[in-house]
Amino acid sequence: MTEAEEQALRALLTQLTEEHRDLDAAITAMSDSGVRDQIIMTRLKKRKLQLKDQIARIEDALLPDIIA
């Protein structure tokens, strides 16, 4: 992996992590305010899980495999 590719992945990782955090806050706020629109909640939670998977794949790509 080149330096530019690594920097691009790290920038994307930062962006996805921030979006994941924002979704978590939005889900919490909706729950706390009593808004119970299940369709919206389900979509937000699904997107949050997708982001979590993307974040995990990028972190795996950035961390080298070390065999102990």
Protein backbone atom coordinates (compact mmCIF):
# COMPACT_ATOMS: atom_id res chain seq x y z
CA MET A 1 0.00 0.00 0.00
CA THR A 2 1.37 3.37 -0.97
CA GLU A 3 1.56 6.37 1.31
CA ALA A 4 -1.18 8.15 -0.64
CA GLU A 5 -3.50 5.13 -0.41
CA GLU A 6 -2.91 4.90 3.34
CA GLN A 7 -3.64 8.60 3.81
CA ALA A 8 -6.84 8.26 1.76
CA LEU A 9 -7.95 5.30 3.88
CA ARG A 10 -7.20 7.16 7.10
CA ALA A 11 -9.22 10.18 5.89
CA LEU A 12 -12.12 7.92 4.95
CA LEU A 13 -11.85 6.17 8.31
CA THR A 14 -12.11 9.50 10.11
CA GLN A 15 -15.14 10.51 8.04
CA LEU A 16 -16.93 7.18 8.60
CA THR A 17 -16.17 7.20 12.33
CA GLU A 18 -17.64 10.69 12.63
CA GLU A 19 -20.76 9.68 10.70
CA HIS A 20 -21.12 6.59 12.93
CA ARG A 21 -20.87 8.78 16.04
CA ASP A 22 -23.44 11.23 14.64
CA LEU A 23 -25.87 8.41 13.88
CA ASP A 24 -25.44 7.06 17.39
CA ALA A 25 -26.27 10.48 18.81
CA ALA A 26 -29.29 10.81 16.53
CA ILE A 27 -30.61 7.39 17.53
CA THR A 28 -30.14 8.21 21.21
CA ALA A 29 -31.84 11.58 20.81
CA MET A 30 -34.81 10.02 19.04
CA SER A 31 -35.17 7.39 21.75
CA ASP A 32 -34.88 9.95 24.55
CA SER A 33 -37.37 12.36 22.99
CA GLY A 34 -39.99 9.68 22.63
CA VAL A 35 -40.03 9.61 18.84
CA ARG A 36 -40.94 6.07 17.97
CA ASP A 37 -40.90 6.06 14.17
CA GLN A 38 -39.72 2.50 13.69
CA ILE A 39 -38.98 2.87 9.99
CA ILE A 40 -36.59 5.77 10.55
CA MET A 41 -35.01 4.08 13.57
CA THR A 42 -34.49 0.88 11.62
CA ARG A 43 -32.89 2.75 8.72
CA LEU A 44 -30.58 4.67 11.05
CA LYS A 45 -29.53 1.50 12.85
CA LYS A 46 -28.97 -0.34 9.57
CA ARG A 47 -26.78 2.50 8.27
CA LYS A 48 -24.87 2.52 11.56
CA LEU A 49 -24.14 -1.21 11.20
CA GLN A 50 -23.00 -0.70 7.61
CA LEU A 51 -20.62 2.01 8.78
CA LYS A 52 -19.31 -0.25 11.53
CA ASP A 53 -18.53 -2.94 8.95
CA GLN A 54 -16.80 -0.44 6.65
CA ILE A 55 -14.76 0.92 9.56
CA ALA A 56 -13.69 -2.61 10.54
CA ARG A 57 -12.60 -3.41 6.96
CA ILE A 58 -10.55 -0.22 6.70
CA GLU A 59 -8.92 -0.78 10.09
CA ASP A 60 -8.01 -4.33 9.01
CA ALA A 61 -6.48 -2.97 5.82
CA LEU A 62 -4.42 -0.41 7.73
CA LEU A 63 -3.15 -2.79 10.40
CA PRO A 64 -0.56 -5.29 9.19
CA ASP A 65 -1.08 -8.97 9.90
CA ILE A 66 1.41 -10.03 12.53
CA ILE A 67 1.86 -13.69 13.13
CA ALA A 68 2.98 -14.28 16.70
